[in-house]
Amino acid sequence: SHWIDSHHVQRVAVSKTQFVNEGRIWEPISQPYEIS
């Protein structure tokens, strides 16, 4: 039942003065699910 949660994977230079943390997932789920 945990949210779909990925921490960032890598740091990406998008310009000479900026970067972005890439790979984040933070997706809420409203109900539990069964695992096979």
ModelCIF file with pLDDT and N, C-alpha, C, O atoms, coordinates in Angstrom:
data_MODEL
#
_entry.id   MODEL 
#
_entity.id                         1 
_entity.type                       polymer 
_entity.pdbx_number_of_molecules   1 
#
_entity_poly.entity_id                      1 
_entity_poly.type                           'polypeptide(L)' 
_entity_poly.nstd_linkage                   no 
_entity_poly.nstd_monomer                   no 
_entity_poly.pdbx_seq_one_letter_code       SHWIDSHHVQRVAVSKTQFVNEGRIWEPISQPYEIS 
_entity_poly.pdbx_seq_one_letter_code_can   SHWIDSHHVQRVAVSKTQFVNEGRIWEPISQPYEIS 
_entity_poly.pdbx_strand_id                 A 
#
loop_
_entity_poly_seq.entity_id 
_entity_poly_seq.num 
_entity_poly_seq.mon_id 
_entity_poly_seq.hetero 
1 1  SER n 
1 2  HIS n 
1 3  TRP n 
1 4  ILE n 
1 5  ASP n 
1 6  SER n 
1 7  HIS n 
1 8  HIS n 
1 9  VAL n 
1 10 GLN n 
1 11 ARG n 
1 12 VAL n 
1 13 ALA n 
1 14 VAL n 
1 15 SER n 
1 16 LYS n 
1 17 THR n 
1 18 GLN n 
1 19 PHE n 
1 20 VAL n 
1 21 ASN n 
1 22 GLU n 
1 23 GLY n 
1 24 ARG n 
1 25 ILE n 
1 26 TRP n 
1 27 GLU n 
1 28 PRO n 
1 29 ILE n 
1 30 SER n 
1 31 GLN n 
1 32 PRO n 
1 33 TYR n 
1 34 GLU n 
1 35 ILE n 
1 36 SER n 
#
_struct_asym.id          A 
_struct_asym.entity_id   1 
#
loop_
_ma_qa_metric.id 
_ma_qa_metric.mode 
_ma_qa_metric.name 
_ma_qa_metric.software_group_id 
_ma_qa_metric.type 
1 global pLDDT . pLDDT 
2 local  pLDDT . pLDDT 
#
_ma_qa_metric_global.metric_id      1 
_ma_qa_metric_global.metric_value   96.36 
_ma_qa_metric_global.model_id       1 
_ma_qa_metric_global.ordinal_id     1 
#
loop_
_ma_qa_metric_local.label_asym_id 
_ma_qa_metric_local.label_comp_id 
_ma_qa_metric_local.label_seq_id 
_ma_qa_metric_local.metric_id 
_ma_qa_metric_local.metric_value 
_ma_qa_metric_local.model_id 
_ma_qa_metric_local.ordinal_id 
A SER 1  2 97.00 1 1  
A HIS 2  2 98.00 1 2  
A TRP 3  2 97.00 1 3  
A ILE 4  2 98.00 1 4  
A ASP 5  2 98.00 1 5  
A SER 6  2 98.00 1 6  
A HIS 7  2 97.00 1 7  
A HIS 8  2 97.00 1 8  
A VAL 9  2 98.00 1 9  
A GLN 10 2 97.00 1 10 
A ARG 11 2 97.00 1 11 
A VAL 12 2 97.00 1 12 
A ALA 13 2 97.00 1 13 
A VAL 14 2 96.00 1 14 
A SER 15 2 95.00 1 15 
A LYS 16 2 95.00 1 16 
A THR 17 2 95.00 1 17 
A GLN 18 2 95.00 1 18 
A PHE 19 2 96.00 1 19 
A VAL 20 2 96.00 1 20 
A ASN 21 2 96.00 1 21 
A GLU 22 2 97.00 1 22 
A GLY 23 2 97.00 1 23 
A ARG 24 2 97.00 1 24 
A ILE 25 2 98.00 1 25 
A TRP 26 2 96.00 1 26 
A GLU 27 2 96.00 1 27 
A PRO 28 2 95.00 1 28 
A ILE 29 2 93.00 1 29 
A SER 30 2 87.00 1 30 
A GLN 31 2 94.00 1 31 
A PRO 32 2 97.00 1 32 
A TYR 33 2 98.00 1 33 
A GLU 34 2 98.00 1 34 
A ILE 35 2 98.00 1 35 
A SER 36 2 98.00 1 36 
#
loop_
_atom_site.group_PDB 
_atom_site.id 
_atom_site.type_symbol 
_atom_site.label_atom_id 
_atom_site.label_alt_id 
_atom_site.label_comp_id 
_atom_site.label_asym_id 
_atom_site.label_entity_id 
_atom_site.label_seq_id 
_atom_site.pdbx_PDB_ins_code 
_atom_site.Cartn_x 
_atom_site.Cartn_y 
_atom_site.Cartn_z 
_atom_site.occupancy 
_atom_site.B_iso_or_equiv 
_atom_site.pdbx_formal_charge 
_atom_site.auth_seq_id 
_atom_site.auth_comp_id 
_atom_site.auth_asym_id 
_atom_site.auth_atom_id 
_atom_site.pdbx_PDB_model_num 
ATOM 1   N N  . SER A 1 1  ? 0.807  -1.227  0.000   1.00 97.00 ? 1  SER A N  1 
ATOM 2   C CA . SER A 1 1  ? 0.000  0.000   0.000   1.00 97.00 ? 1  SER A CA 1 
ATOM 3   C C  . SER A 1 1  ? 0.836  1.270   0.000   1.00 97.00 ? 1  SER A C  1 
ATOM 4   O O  . SER A 1 1  ? 0.285  2.369   0.071   1.00 97.00 ? 1  SER A O  1 
ATOM 5   N N  . HIS A 1 2  ? 2.159  1.141   -0.079  1.00 98.00 ? 2  HIS A N  1 
ATOM 6   C CA . HIS A 1 2  ? 2.983  2.347   -0.060  1.00 98.00 ? 2  HIS A CA 1 
ATOM 7   C C  . HIS A 1 2  ? 2.877  3.090   -1.383  1.00 98.00 ? 2  HIS A C  1 
ATOM 8   O O  . HIS A 1 2  ? 2.693  2.482   -2.438  1.00 98.00 ? 2  HIS A O  1 
ATOM 9   N N  . TRP A 1 3  ? 2.997  4.414   -1.313  1.00 97.00 ? 3  TRP A N  1 
ATOM 10  C CA . TRP A 1 3  ? 3.014  5.210   -2.542  1.00 97.00 ? 3  TRP A CA 1 
ATOM 11  C C  . TRP A 1 3  ? 4.150  4.743   -3.442  1.00 97.00 ? 3  TRP A C  1 
ATOM 12  O O  . TRP A 1 3  ? 5.098  4.112   -2.976  1.00 97.00 ? 3  TRP A O  1 
ATOM 13  N N  . ILE A 1 4  ? 4.056  5.050   -4.715  1.00 98.00 ? 4  ILE A N  1 
ATOM 14  C CA . ILE A 1 4  ? 5.133  4.737   -5.653  1.00 98.00 ? 4  ILE A CA 1 
ATOM 15  C C  . ILE A 1 4  ? 6.196  5.811   -5.460  1.00 98.00 ? 4  ILE A C  1 
ATOM 16  O O  . ILE A 1 4  ? 5.985  6.975   -5.802  1.00 98.00 ? 4  ILE A O  1 
ATOM 17  N N  . ASP A 1 5  ? 7.335  5.412   -4.911  1.00 98.00 ? 5  ASP A N  1 
ATOM 18  C CA . ASP A 1 5  ? 8.307  6.366   -4.394  1.00 98.00 ? 5  ASP A CA 1 
ATOM 19  C C  . ASP A 1 5  ? 9.711  6.045   -4.907  1.00 98.00 ? 5  ASP A C  1 
ATOM 20  O O  . ASP A 1 5  ? 10.337 5.080   -4.471  1.00 98.00 ? 5  ASP A O  1 
ATOM 21  N N  . SER A 1 6  ? 10.188 6.860   -5.827  1.00 98.00 ? 6  SER A N  1 
ATOM 22  C CA . SER A 1 6  ? 11.572 6.750   -6.282  1.00 98.00 ? 6  SER A CA 1 
ATOM 23  C C  . SER A 1 6  ? 12.315 8.025   -5.913  1.00 98.00 ? 6  SER A C  1 
ATOM 24  O O  . SER A 1 6  ? 11.895 9.128   -6.265  1.00 98.00 ? 6  SER A O  1 
ATOM 25  N N  . HIS A 1 7  ? 13.416 7.862   -5.203  1.00 97.00 ? 7  HIS A N  1 
ATOM 26  C CA . HIS A 1 7  ? 14.291 9.006   -4.983  1.00 97.00 ? 7  HIS A CA 1 
ATOM 27  C C  . HIS A 1 7  ? 14.993 9.340   -6.295  1.00 97.00 ? 7  HIS A C  1 
ATOM 28  O O  . HIS A 1 7  ? 14.956 8.563   -7.249  1.00 97.00 ? 7  HIS A O  1 
ATOM 29  N N  . HIS A 1 8  ? 15.628 10.497  -6.329  1.00 97.00 ? 8  HIS A N  1 
ATOM 30  C CA . HIS A 1 8  ? 16.321 10.898  -7.548  1.00 97.00 ? 8  HIS A CA 1 
ATOM 31  C C  . HIS A 1 8  ? 17.415 9.904   -7.910  1.00 97.00 ? 8  HIS A C  1 
ATOM 32  O O  . HIS A 1 8  ? 18.009 9.258   -7.047  1.00 97.00 ? 8  HIS A O  1 
ATOM 33  N N  . VAL A 1 9  ? 17.659 9.801   -9.193  1.00 98.00 ? 9  VAL A N  1 
ATOM 34  C CA . VAL A 1 9  ? 18.633 8.851   -9.713  1.00 98.00 ? 9  VAL A CA 1 
ATOM 35  C C  . VAL A 1 9  ? 19.948 9.535   -10.078 1.00 98.00 ? 9  VAL A C  1 
ATOM 36  O O  . VAL A 1 9  ? 21.026 9.028   -9.770  1.00 98.00 ? 9  VAL A O  1 
ATOM 37  N N  . GLN A 1 10 ? 19.849 10.690  -10.735 1.00 97.00 ? 10 GLN A N  1 
ATOM 38  C CA . GLN A 1 10 ? 21.072 11.365  -11.166 1.00 97.00 ? 10 GLN A CA 1 
ATOM 39  C C  . GLN A 1 10 ? 20.868 12.880  -11.236 1.00 97.00 ? 10 GLN A C  1 
ATOM 40  O O  . GLN A 1 10 ? 19.742 13.379  -11.262 1.00 97.00 ? 10 GLN A O  1 
ATOM 41  N N  . ARG A 1 11 ? 22.000 13.592  -11.267 1.00 97.00 ? 11 ARG A N  1 
ATOM 42  C CA . ARG A 1 11 ? 21.982 15.054  -11.367 1.00 97.00 ? 11 ARG A CA 1 
ATOM 43  C C  . ARG A 1 11 ? 22.379 15.421  -12.795 1.00 97.00 ? 11 ARG A C  1 
ATOM 44  O O  . ARG A 1 11 ? 23.402 14.970  -13.310 1.00 97.00 ? 11 ARG A O  1 
ATOM 45  N N  . VAL A 1 12 ? 21.543 16.248  -13.418 1.00 97.00 ? 12 VAL A N  1 
ATOM 46  C CA . VAL A 1 12 ? 21.707 16.544  -14.836 1.00 97.00 ? 12 VAL A CA 1 
ATOM 47  C C  . VAL A 1 12 ? 21.945 18.041  -15.039 1.00 97.00 ? 12 VAL A C  1 
ATOM 48  O O  . VAL A 1 12 ? 21.146 18.872  -14.609 1.00 97.00 ? 12 VAL A O  1 
ATOM 49  N N  . ALA A 1 13 ? 23.049 18.366  -15.697 1.00 97.00 ? 13 ALA A N  1 
ATOM 50  C CA . ALA A 1 13 ? 23.340 19.760  -16.033 1.00 97.00 ? 13 ALA A CA 1 
ATOM 51  C C  . ALA A 1 13 ? 22.448 20.186  -17.191 1.00 97.00 ? 13 ALA A C  1 
ATOM 52  O O  . ALA A 1 13 ? 22.487 19.581  -18.262 1.00 97.00 ? 13 ALA A O  1 
ATOM 53  N N  . VAL A 1 14 ? 21.642 21.226  -16.979 1.00 96.00 ? 14 VAL A N  1 
ATOM 54  C CA . VAL A 1 14 ? 20.749 21.703  -18.042 1.00 96.00 ? 14 VAL A CA 1 
ATOM 55  C C  . VAL A 1 14 ? 21.230 23.033  -18.631 1.00 96.00 ? 14 VAL A C  1 
ATOM 56  O O  . VAL A 1 14 ? 20.746 23.464  -19.678 1.00 96.00 ? 14 VAL A O  1 
ATOM 57  N N  . SER A 1 15 ? 22.183 23.679  -17.955 1.00 95.00 ? 15 SER A N  1 
ATOM 58  C CA . SER A 1 15 ? 22.812 24.898  -18.475 1.00 95.00 ? 15 SER A CA 1 
ATOM 59  C C  . SER A 1 15 ? 24.092 25.113  -17.680 1.00 95.00 ? 15 SER A C  1 
ATOM 60  O O  . SER A 1 15 ? 24.432 24.303  -16.818 1.00 95.00 ? 15 SER A O  1 
ATOM 61  N N  . LYS A 1 16 ? 24.796 26.192  -17.962 1.00 95.00 ? 16 LYS A N  1 
ATOM 62  C CA . LYS A 1 16 ? 26.017 26.492  -17.233 1.00 95.00 ? 16 LYS A CA 1 
ATOM 63  C C  . LYS A 1 16 ? 25.749 26.914  -15.792 1.00 95.00 ? 16 LYS A C  1 
ATOM 64  O O  . LYS A 1 16 ? 26.643 26.896  -14.946 1.00 95.00 ? 16 LYS A O  1 
ATOM 65  N N  . THR A 1 17 ? 24.497 27.296  -15.532 1.00 95.00 ? 17 THR A N  1 
ATOM 66  C CA . THR A 1 17 ? 24.173 27.810  -14.201 1.00 95.00 ? 17 THR A CA 1 
ATOM 67  C C  . THR A 1 17 ? 23.084 27.014  -13.481 1.00 95.00 ? 17 THR A C  1 
ATOM 68  O O  . THR A 1 17 ? 22.723 27.341  -12.350 1.00 95.00 ? 17 THR A O  1 
ATOM 69  N N  . GLN A 1 18 ? 22.561 25.973  -14.130 1.00 95.00 ? 18 GLN A N  1 
ATOM 70  C CA . GLN A 1 18 ? 21.456 25.215  -13.531 1.00 95.00 ? 18 GLN A CA 1 
ATOM 71  C C  . GLN A 1 18 ? 21.653 23.705  -13.705 1.00 95.00 ? 18 GLN A C  1 
ATOM 72  O O  . GLN A 1 18 ? 22.291 23.240  -14.649 1.00 95.00 ? 18 GLN A O  1 
ATOM 73  N N  . PHE A 1 19 ? 21.078 22.962  -12.753 1.00 96.00 ? 19 PHE A N  1 
ATOM 74  C CA . PHE A 1 19 ? 20.979 21.504  -12.908 1.00 96.00 ? 19 PHE A CA 1 
ATOM 75  C C  . PHE A 1 19 ? 19.624 21.066  -12.380 1.00 96.00 ? 19 PHE A C  1 
ATOM 76  O O  . PHE A 1 19 ? 18.926 21.824  -11.707 1.00 96.00 ? 19 PHE A O  1 
ATOM 77  N N  . VAL A 1 20 ? 19.267 19.831  -12.698 1.00 96.00 ? 20 VAL A N  1 
ATOM 78  C CA . VAL A 1 20 ? 18.006 19.273  -12.223 1.00 96.00 ? 20 VAL A CA 1 
ATOM 79  C C  . VAL A 1 20 ? 18.257 17.877  -11.666 1.00 96.00 ? 20 VAL A C  1 
ATOM 80  O O  . VAL A 1 20 ? 19.037 17.107  -12.227 1.00 96.00 ? 20 VAL A O  1 
ATOM 81  N N  . ASN A 1 21 ? 17.594 17.558  -10.567 1.00 96.00 ? 21 ASN A N  1 
ATOM 82  C CA . ASN A 1 21 ? 17.626 16.196  -10.035 1.00 96.00 ? 21 ASN A CA 1 
ATOM 83  C C  . ASN A 1 21 ? 16.601 15.368  -10.797 1.00 96.00 ? 21 ASN A C  1 
ATOM 84  O O  . ASN A 1 21 ? 15.419 15.708  -10.830 1.00 96.00 ? 21 ASN A O  1 
ATOM 85  N N  . GLU A 1 22 ? 17.060 14.278  -11.409 1.00 97.00 ? 22 GLU A N  1 
ATOM 86  C CA . GLU A 1 22 ? 16.213 13.488  -12.315 1.00 97.00 ? 22 GLU A CA 1 
ATOM 87  C C  . GLU A 1 22 ? 15.842 12.148  -11.707 1.00 97.00 ? 22 GLU A C  1 
ATOM 88  O O  . GLU A 1 22 ? 16.633 11.532  -10.992 1.00 97.00 ? 22 GLU A O  1 
ATOM 89  N N  . GLY A 1 23 ? 14.621 11.704  -12.003 1.00 97.00 ? 23 GLY A N  1 
ATOM 90  C CA . GLY A 1 23 ? 14.210 10.353  -11.638 1.00 97.00 ? 23 GLY A CA 1 
ATOM 91  C C  . GLY A 1 23 ? 13.173 10.237  -10.549 1.00 97.00 ? 23 GLY A C  1 
ATOM 92  O O  . GLY A 1 23 ? 12.746 9.129   -10.227 1.00 97.00 ? 23 GLY A O  1 
ATOM 93  N N  . ARG A 1 24 ? 12.754 11.349  -9.969  1.00 97.00 ? 24 ARG A N  1 
ATOM 94  C CA . ARG A 1 24 ? 11.808 11.309  -8.855  1.00 97.00 ? 24 ARG A CA 1 
ATOM 95  C C  . ARG A 1 24 ? 10.448 10.781  -9.285  1.00 97.00 ? 24 ARG A C  1 
ATOM 96  O O  . ARG A 1 24 ? 9.910  11.171  -10.321 1.00 97.00 ? 24 ARG A O  1 
ATOM 97  N N  . ILE A 1 25 ? 9.899  9.877   -8.462  1.00 98.00 ? 25 ILE A N  1 
ATOM 98  C CA . ILE A 1 25 ? 8.487  9.476   -8.553  1.00 98.00 ? 25 ILE A CA 1 
ATOM 99  C C  . ILE A 1 25 ? 7.903  9.613   -7.151  1.00 98.00 ? 25 ILE A C  1 
ATOM 100 O O  . ILE A 1 25 ? 8.481  9.121   -6.181  1.00 98.00 ? 25 ILE A O  1 
ATOM 101 N N  . TRP A 1 26 ? 6.787  10.264  -7.050  1.00 96.00 ? 26 TRP A N  1 
ATOM 102 C CA . TRP A 1 26 ? 6.094  10.411  -5.758  1.00 96.00 ? 26 TRP A CA 1 
ATOM 103 C C  . TRP A 1 26 ? 4.607  10.385  -6.068  1.00 96.00 ? 26 TRP A C  1 
ATOM 104 O O  . TRP A 1 26 ? 3.936  11.417  -6.103  1.00 96.00 ? 26 TRP A O  1 
ATOM 105 N N  . GLU A 1 27 ? 4.116  9.176   -6.291  1.00 96.00 ? 27 GLU A N  1 
ATOM 106 C CA . GLU A 1 27 ? 2.756  8.977   -6.795  1.00 96.00 ? 27 GLU A CA 1 
ATOM 107 C C  . GLU A 1 27 ? 1.882  8.348   -5.715  1.00 96.00 ? 27 GLU A C  1 
ATOM 108 O O  . GLU A 1 27 ? 2.093  7.195   -5.339  1.00 96.00 ? 27 GLU A O  1 
ATOM 109 N N  . PRO A 1 28 ? 0.901  9.099   -5.216  1.00 95.00 ? 28 PRO A N  1 
ATOM 110 C CA . PRO A 1 28 ? 0.023  8.525   -4.188  1.00 95.00 ? 28 PRO A CA 1 
ATOM 111 C C  . PRO A 1 28 ? -0.871 7.435   -4.745  1.00 95.00 ? 28 PRO A C  1 
ATOM 112 O O  . PRO A 1 28 ? -1.261 7.476   -5.913  1.00 95.00 ? 28 PRO A O  1 
ATOM 113 N N  . ILE A 1 29 ? -1.195 6.465   -3.911  1.00 93.00 ? 29 ILE A N  1 
ATOM 114 C CA . ILE A 1 29 ? -2.185 5.454   -4.275  1.00 93.00 ? 29 ILE A CA 1 
ATOM 115 C C  . ILE A 1 29 ? -3.280 5.478   -3.220  1.00 93.00 ? 29 ILE A C  1 
ATOM 116 O O  . ILE A 1 29 ? -3.015 5.738   -2.046  1.00 93.00 ? 29 ILE A O  1 
ATOM 117 N N  . SER A 1 30 ? -4.488 5.211   -3.633  1.00 87.00 ? 30 SER A N  1 
ATOM 118 C CA . SER A 1 30 ? -5.636 5.374   -2.733  1.00 87.00 ? 30 SER A CA 1 
ATOM 119 C C  . SER A 1 30 ? -6.087 4.086   -2.075  1.00 87.00 ? 30 SER A C  1 
ATOM 120 O O  . SER A 1 30 ? -6.825 4.119   -1.090  1.00 87.00 ? 30 SER A O  1 
ATOM 121 N N  . GLN A 1 31 ? -5.652 2.940   -2.611  1.00 94.00 ? 31 GLN A N  1 
ATOM 122 C CA . GLN A 1 31 ? -6.100 1.654   -2.077  1.00 94.00 ? 31 GLN A CA 1 
ATOM 123 C C  . GLN A 1 31 ? -4.935 0.670   -2.056  1.00 94.00 ? 31 GLN A C  1 
ATOM 124 O O  . GLN A 1 31 ? -3.974 0.829   -2.809  1.00 94.00 ? 31 GLN A O  1 
ATOM 125 N N  . PRO A 1 32 ? -5.016 -0.356  -1.190  1.00 97.00 ? 32 PRO A N  1 
ATOM 126 C CA . PRO A 1 32 ? -3.979 -1.387  -1.198  1.00 97.00 ? 32 PRO A CA 1 
ATOM 127 C C  . PRO A 1 32 ? -4.104 -2.276  -2.433  1.00 97.00 ? 32 PRO A C  1 
ATOM 128 O O  . PRO A 1 32 ? -5.100 -2.220  -3.155  1.00 97.00 ? 32 PRO A O  1 
ATOM 129 N N  . TYR A 1 33 ? -3.095 -3.084  -2.659  1.00 98.00 ? 33 TYR A N  1 
ATOM 130 C CA . TYR A 1 33 ? -3.118 -4.022  -3.789  1.00 98.00 ? 33 TYR A CA 1 
ATOM 131 C C  . TYR A 1 33 ? -2.538 -5.357  -3.333  1.00 98.00 ? 33 TYR A C  1 
ATOM 132 O O  . TYR A 1 33 ? -1.752 -5.420  -2.388  1.00 98.00 ? 33 TYR A O  1 
ATOM 133 N N  . GLU A 1 34 ? -2.939 -6.415  -4.019  1.00 98.00 ? 34 GLU A N  1 
ATOM 134 C CA . GLU A 1 34 ? -2.481 -7.758  -3.686  1.00 98.00 ? 34 GLU A CA 1 
ATOM 135 C C  . GLU A 1 34 ? -1.201 -8.084  -4.456  1.00 98.00 ? 34 GLU A C  1 
ATOM 136 O O  . GLU A 1 34 ? -1.037 -7.678  -5.606  1.00 98.00 ? 34 GLU A O  1 
ATOM 137 N N  . ILE A 1 35 ? -0.302 -8.818  -3.811  1.00 98.00 ? 35 ILE A N  1 
ATOM 138 C CA . ILE A 1 35 ? 0.972  -9.184  -4.422  1.00 98.00 ? 35 ILE A CA 1 
ATOM 139 C C  . ILE A 1 35 ? 0.972  -10.675 -4.732  1.00 98.00 ? 35 ILE A C  1 
ATOM 140 O O  . ILE A 1 35 ? 0.664  -11.501 -3.872  1.00 98.00 ? 35 ILE A O  1 
ATOM 141 N N  . SER A 1 36 ? 1.314  -11.001 -5.950  1.00 98.00 ? 36 SER A N  1 
ATOM 142 C CA . SER A 1 36 ? 1.286  -12.388 -6.428  1.00 98.00 ? 36 SER A CA 1 
ATOM 143 C C  . SER A 1 36 ? 2.453  -13.208 -5.877  1.00 98.00 ? 36 SER A C  1 
ATOM 144 O O  . SER A 1 36 ? 2.574  -14.394 -6.184  1.00 98.00 ? 36 SER A O  1 
#
